[in-house]
Amino acid sequence: MSLQVAQRGYTMFKKLNIPVAGLVMNMNSVLCPSCNHMFELYENNLHQFDELKLLPRLENIPMSEDVKKCTHTQVPVVVSQPDSEISKTYFSLAHKLFHYLGQLHQIQP
């Protein structure tokens, strides 16, 4: 279902000439708190969506016990646990988006 929504959004952005940085796979996996292994929850059906599968995959953001705890304390995980695996994923996504926006700014006046 969420890939269908992403496809509709991408189609709309394309029609409006709004650039798309890429695809973020959000909460389609779980990060094990013991071993930091990522377990996929859903079958990857990206192959069914021709346009989406051509987009760069920016990150896979898993469900995480650390994030759940941080929602109760209202302190972002990247602040409370900056060295955790999930924080590294968020920092990586931020870096990729920052780089993309920098390139976009250079292209457009």
N, C-alpha and C. Protein backbone atom coordinates (compact mmCIF):
# COMPACT_ATOMS: atom_id res chain seq x y z
N MET A 1 0.82 -1.19 0.00
CA MET A 1 0.00 0.00 0.00
C MET A 1 0.87 1.26 0.00
N SER A 2 1.89 1.31 0.85
CA SER A 2 2.70 2.53 0.93
C SER A 2 3.48 2.77 -0.36
N LEU A 3 3.86 1.71 -1.07
CA LEU A 3 4.53 1.89 -2.35
C LEU A 3 3.58 2.48 -3.39
N GLN A 4 2.30 2.13 -3.30
CA GLN A 4 1.31 2.71 -4.21
C GLN A 4 1.17 4.20 -3.94
N VAL A 5 1.17 4.58 -2.68
CA VAL A 5 1.09 6.00 -2.32
C VAL A 5 2.35 6.73 -2.80
N ALA A 6 3.51 6.09 -2.62
CA ALA A 6 4.76 6.69 -3.09
C ALA A 6 4.74 6.86 -4.61
N GLN A 7 4.20 5.88 -5.31
CA GLN A 7 4.10 5.98 -6.78
C GLN A 7 3.20 7.14 -7.19
N ARG A 8 2.07 7.29 -6.52
CA ARG A 8 1.16 8.41 -6.84
C ARG A 8 1.84 9.75 -6.54
N GLY A 9 2.53 9.82 -5.42
CA GLY A 9 3.23 11.06 -5.08
C GLY A 9 4.31 11.37 -6.09
N TYR A 10 5.08 10.37 -6.49
CA TYR A 10 6.15 10.58 -7.46
C TYR A 10 5.57 11.05 -8.79
N THR A 11 4.47 10.45 -9.22
CA THR A 11 3.82 10.85 -10.48
C THR A 11 3.38 12.31 -10.40
N MET A 12 2.81 12.71 -9.27
CA MET A 12 2.37 14.10 -9.08
C MET A 12 3.58 15.04 -9.12
N PHE A 13 4.65 14.71 -8.39
CA PHE A 13 5.83 15.56 -8.37
C PHE A 13 6.42 15.72 -9.77
N LYS A 14 6.41 14.63 -10.52
CA LYS A 14 6.95 14.65 -11.88
C LYS A 14 6.13 15.60 -12.77
N LYS A 15 4.81 15.53 -12.66
CA LYS A 15 3.93 16.41 -13.45
C LYS A 15 4.14 17.87 -13.09
N LEU A 16 4.46 18.14 -11.83
CA LEU A 16 4.65 19.51 -11.37
C LEU A 16 6.11 19.97 -11.47
N ASN A 17 6.97 19.13 -12.05
CA ASN A 17 8.40 19.42 -12.18
C ASN A 17 9.08 19.68 -10.85
N ILE A 18 8.68 18.92 -9.84
CA ILE A 18 9.31 19.01 -8.52
C ILE A 18 10.35 17.89 -8.42
N PRO A 19 11.61 18.25 -8.20
CA PRO A 19 12.64 17.21 -8.14
C PRO A 19 12.44 16.26 -6.95
N VAL A 20 12.82 15.01 -7.16
CA VAL A 20 12.72 13.98 -6.12
C VAL A 20 14.12 13.44 -5.86
N ALA A 21 14.55 13.52 -4.61
CA ALA A 21 15.91 13.09 -4.24
C ALA A 21 16.07 11.58 -4.32
N GLY A 22 15.04 10.86 -3.96
CA GLY A 22 15.13 9.41 -3.94
C GLY A 22 14.06 8.82 -3.05
N LEU A 23 14.26 7.57 -2.70
CA LEU A 23 13.27 6.81 -1.96
C LEU A 23 13.82 6.43 -0.59
N VAL A 24 13.01 6.67 0.44
CA VAL A 24 13.36 6.25 1.79
C VAL A 24 12.40 5.13 2.17
N MET A 25 12.96 3.98 2.46
CA MET A 25 12.15 2.85 2.90
C MET A 25 12.00 3.00 4.42
N ASN A 26 10.78 3.32 4.85
CA ASN A 26 10.54 3.65 6.25
C ASN A 26 9.73 2.55 6.93
N MET A 27 10.27 2.03 8.02
CA MET A 27 9.60 1.04 8.87
C MET A 27 9.22 -0.23 8.13
N ASN A 28 10.04 -0.65 7.16
CA ASN A 28 9.78 -1.92 6.51
C ASN A 28 10.69 -3.02 7.06
N SER A 29 11.39 -2.68 8.14
CA SER A 29 12.28 -3.64 8.79
C SER A 29 12.35 -3.31 10.28
N VAL A 30 12.97 -4.23 11.02
CA VAL A 30 13.14 -4.05 12.47
C VAL A 30 14.62 -4.21 12.79
N LEU A 31 15.14 -3.32 13.62
CA LEU A 31 16.52 -3.41 14.06
C LEU A 31 16.55 -4.14 15.39
N CYS A 32 17.24 -5.26 15.43
CA CYS A 32 17.33 -6.06 16.66
C CYS A 32 18.15 -5.28 17.70
N PRO A 33 17.59 -5.07 18.91
CA PRO A 33 18.32 -4.32 19.93
C PRO A 33 19.54 -5.06 20.48
N SER A 34 19.58 -6.37 20.31
CA SER A 34 20.70 -7.15 20.84
C SER A 34 21.91 -7.19 19.91
N CYS A 35 21.63 -7.42 18.61
CA CYS A 35 22.75 -7.63 17.69
C CYS A 35 22.83 -6.60 16.56
N ASN A 36 21.88 -5.66 16.52
CA ASN A 36 21.80 -4.64 15.47
C ASN A 36 21.61 -5.22 14.07
N HIS A 37 21.12 -6.46 13.99
CA HIS A 37 20.80 -7.04 12.69
C HIS A 37 19.45 -6.49 12.24
N MET A 38 19.34 -6.18 10.94
CA MET A 38 18.10 -5.66 10.41
C MET A 38 17.30 -6.80 9.78
N PHE A 39 16.07 -6.98 10.25
CA PHE A 39 15.18 -8.01 9.74
C PHE A 39 14.11 -7.36 8.87
N GLU A 40 14.02 -7.79 7.61
CA GLU A 40 13.00 -7.27 6.70
C GLU A 40 11.63 -7.81 7.13
N LEU A 41 10.63 -6.94 7.18
CA LEU A 41 9.28 -7.35 7.57
C LEU A 41 8.40 -7.69 6.38
N TYR A 42 8.65 -7.02 5.27
CA TYR A 42 7.77 -7.18 4.12
C TYR A 42 8.60 -7.56 2.90
N GLU A 43 7.96 -8.25 2.00
CA GLU A 43 8.60 -8.60 0.74
C GLU A 43 8.84 -7.30 -0.03
N ASN A 44 9.99 -7.21 -0.65
CA ASN A 44 10.32 -6.02 -1.43
C ASN A 44 9.58 -6.08 -2.76
N ASN A 45 8.52 -5.31 -2.87
CA ASN A 45 7.71 -5.28 -4.08
C ASN A 45 8.05 -4.10 -4.98
N LEU A 46 9.20 -3.51 -4.77
CA LEU A 46 9.59 -2.34 -5.53
C LEU A 46 9.66 -2.63 -7.02
N HIS A 47 9.94 -3.88 -7.38
CA HIS A 47 10.04 -4.25 -8.79
C HIS A 47 8.73 -4.04 -9.54
N GLN A 48 7.61 -3.94 -8.83
CA GLN A 48 6.31 -3.74 -9.47
C GLN A 48 6.09 -2.29 -9.90
N PHE A 49 6.93 -1.39 -9.44
CA PHE A 49 6.75 0.03 -9.71
C PHE A 49 7.93 0.54 -10.53
N ASP A 50 7.74 0.55 -11.84
CA ASP A 50 8.83 0.86 -12.77
C ASP A 50 9.55 2.17 -12.45
N GLU A 51 8.79 3.23 -12.22
CA GLU A 51 9.43 4.53 -11.97
C GLU A 51 10.14 4.58 -10.62
N LEU A 52 9.52 4.02 -9.60
CA LEU A 52 10.11 4.05 -8.26
C LEU A 52 11.42 3.27 -8.20
N LYS A 53 11.48 2.16 -8.90
CA LYS A 53 12.69 1.34 -8.80
C LYS A 53 13.89 2.02 -9.46
N LEU A 54 13.65 3.06 -10.26
CA LEU A 54 14.75 3.81 -10.88
C LEU A 54 15.31 4.88 -9.95
N LEU A 55 14.54 5.23 -8.91
CA LEU A 55 15.00 6.25 -7.96
C LEU A 55 16.10 5.69 -7.08
N PRO A 56 17.05 6.53 -6.69
CA PRO A 56 18.05 6.05 -5.73
C PRO A 56 17.39 5.75 -4.39
N ARG A 57 17.81 4.67 -3.76
CA ARG A 57 17.33 4.36 -2.41
C ARG A 57 18.23 5.09 -1.44
N LEU A 58 17.67 6.09 -0.78
CA LEU A 58 18.48 6.92 0.10
C LEU A 58 18.82 6.19 1.40
N GLU A 59 17.83 5.59 2.02
CA GLU A 59 18.05 4.87 3.28
C GLU A 59 16.91 3.90 3.52
N ASN A 60 17.19 2.96 4.40
CA ASN A 60 16.19 2.05 4.93
C ASN A 60 16.11 2.37 6.42
N ILE A 61 15.02 2.98 6.85
CA ILE A 61 14.85 3.37 8.25
C ILE A 61 14.03 2.28 8.96
N PRO A 62 14.66 1.47 9.80
CA PRO A 62 13.93 0.38 10.45
C PRO A 62 13.17 0.86 11.69
N MET A 63 12.21 0.05 12.10
CA MET A 63 11.60 0.27 13.41
C MET A 63 12.68 -0.03 14.45
N SER A 64 12.70 0.76 15.50
CA SER A 64 13.78 0.61 16.47
C SER A 64 13.26 0.85 17.89
N GLU A 65 13.73 0.03 18.79
CA GLU A 65 13.38 0.19 20.21
C GLU A 65 13.89 1.53 20.73
N ASP A 66 15.05 1.95 20.25
CA ASP A 66 15.62 3.24 20.68
C ASP A 66 14.72 4.40 20.30
N VAL A 67 14.18 4.38 19.10
CA VAL A 67 13.29 5.45 18.65
C VAL A 67 12.00 5.44 19.48
N LYS A 68 11.49 4.25 19.75
CA LYS A 68 10.28 4.13 20.57
C LYS A 68 10.48 4.76 21.95
N LYS A 69 11.62 4.46 22.56
CA LYS A 69 11.92 5.04 23.88
C LYS A 69 12.02 6.56 23.81
N CYS A 70 12.59 7.05 22.74
CA CYS A 70 12.78 8.50 22.60
C CYS A 70 11.47 9.24 22.39
N THR A 71 10.47 8.56 21.84
CA THR A 71 9.18 9.23 21.68
C THR A 71 8.54 9.52 23.03
N HIS A 72 8.84 8.70 24.02
CA HIS A 72 8.30 8.92 25.35
C HIS A 72 9.04 10.04 26.08
N THR A 73 10.34 10.16 25.85
CA THR A 73 11.12 11.20 26.52
C THR A 73 11.12 12.50 25.74
N GLN A 74 10.66 12.46 24.49
CA GLN A 74 10.61 13.61 23.59
C GLN A 74 11.99 14.20 23.32
N VAL A 75 13.00 13.35 23.36
CA VAL A 75 14.36 13.74 22.99
C VAL A 75 14.74 12.90 21.78
N PRO A 76 15.05 13.53 20.65
CA PRO A 76 15.37 12.75 19.45
C PRO A 76 16.51 11.76 19.69
N VAL A 77 16.42 10.61 19.03
CA VAL A 77 17.43 9.57 19.20
C VAL A 77 18.80 10.08 18.76
N VAL A 78 18.86 10.96 17.78
CA VAL A 78 20.15 11.47 17.32
C VAL A 78 20.80 12.38 18.35
N VAL A 79 20.02 12.86 19.31
CA VAL A 79 20.55 13.66 20.41
C VAL A 79 20.88 12.77 21.61
N SER A 80 19.95 11.89 21.96
CA SER A 80 20.14 11.06 23.16
C SER A 80 21.14 9.92 22.94
N GLN A 81 21.21 9.42 21.70
CA GLN A 81 22.11 8.29 21.40
C GLN A 81 22.77 8.50 20.03
N PRO A 82 23.60 9.51 19.90
CA PRO A 82 24.15 9.85 18.58
C PRO A 82 25.02 8.77 17.95
N ASP A 83 25.55 7.84 18.76
CA ASP A 83 26.40 6.79 18.21
C ASP A 83 25.66 5.48 17.92
N SER A 84 24.35 5.47 18.13
CA SER A 84 23.58 4.25 17.89
C SER A 84 23.45 4.01 16.39
N GLU A 85 23.14 2.76 16.03
CA GLU A 85 22.97 2.39 14.62
C GLU A 85 21.86 3.18 13.96
N ILE A 86 20.75 3.36 14.67
CA ILE A 86 19.62 4.08 14.07
C ILE A 86 19.98 5.55 13.87
N SER A 87 20.72 6.15 14.79
CA SER A 87 21.16 7.53 14.62
C SER A 87 22.08 7.66 13.42
N LYS A 88 22.97 6.68 13.25
CA LYS A 88 23.86 6.70 12.08
C LYS A 88 23.06 6.66 10.78
N THR A 89 21.95 5.94 10.79
CA THR A 89 21.10 5.88 9.61
C THR A 89 20.47 7.24 9.34
N TYR A 90 19.97 7.89 10.38
CA TYR A 90 19.38 9.23 10.21
C TYR A 90 20.44 10.24 9.76
N PHE A 91 21.63 10.18 10.33
CA PHE A 91 22.71 11.09 9.92
C PHE A 91 23.08 10.85 8.46
N SER A 92 23.11 9.59 8.05
CA SER A 92 23.43 9.26 6.67
C SER A 92 22.38 9.83 5.72
N LEU A 93 21.11 9.70 6.08
CA LEU A 93 20.03 10.24 5.26
C LEU A 93 20.15 11.77 5.19
N ALA A 94 20.41 12.40 6.31
CA ALA A 94 20.55 13.87 6.32
C ALA A 94 21.71 14.30 5.43
N HIS A 95 22.81 13.58 5.50
CA HIS A 95 23.98 13.91 4.67
C HIS A 95 23.63 13.77 3.18
N LYS A 96 22.95 12.70 2.81
CA LYS A 96 22.58 12.49 1.41
C LYS A 96 21.63 13.58 0.92
N LEU A 97 20.66 13.96 1.75
CA LEU A 97 19.73 15.01 1.36
C LEU A 97 20.43 16.37 1.26
N PHE A 98 21.33 16.64 2.19
CA PHE A 98 22.09 17.88 2.16
C PHE A 98 22.90 17.96 0.87
N HIS A 99 23.56 16.87 0.51
CA HIS A 99 24.34 16.80 -0.72
C HIS A 99 23.45 17.00 -1.95
N TYR A 100 22.30 16.34 -1.96
CA TYR A 100 21.37 16.46 -3.08
C TYR A 100 20.89 17.91 -3.22
N LEU A 101 20.52 18.52 -2.12
CA LEU A 101 20.02 19.91 -2.18
C LEU A 101 21.12 20.86 -2.61
N GLY A 102 22.35 20.59 -2.21
CA GLY A 102 23.48 21.40 -2.66
C GLY A 102 23.67 21.32 -4.16
N GLN A 103 23.54 20.11 -4.71
CA GLN A 103 23.65 19.94 -6.15
C GLN A 103 22.49 20.61 -6.87
N LEU A 104 21.31 20.49 -6.31
CA LEU A 104 20.11 21.08 -6.90
C LEU A 104 20.24 22.60 -6.93
N HIS A 105 20.78 23.16 -5.87
CA HIS A 105 20.95 24.62 -5.79
C HIS A 105 21.93 25.10 -6.86
N GLN A 106 22.97 24.32 -7.14
CA GLN A 106 23.95 24.70 -8.15
C GLN A 106 23.35 24.64 -9.55
N ILE A 107 22.41 23.76 -9.78
CA ILE A 107 21.81 23.60 -11.10
C ILE A 107 20.81 24.72 -11.39
N GLN A 108 19.98 25.03 -10.40
CA GLN A 108 18.91 26.03 -10.60
C GLN A 108 19.36 27.39 -10.06
N PRO A 109 19.06 28.45 -10.80
CA PRO A 109 19.43 29.80 -10.31
C PRO A 109 18.60 30.23 -9.14
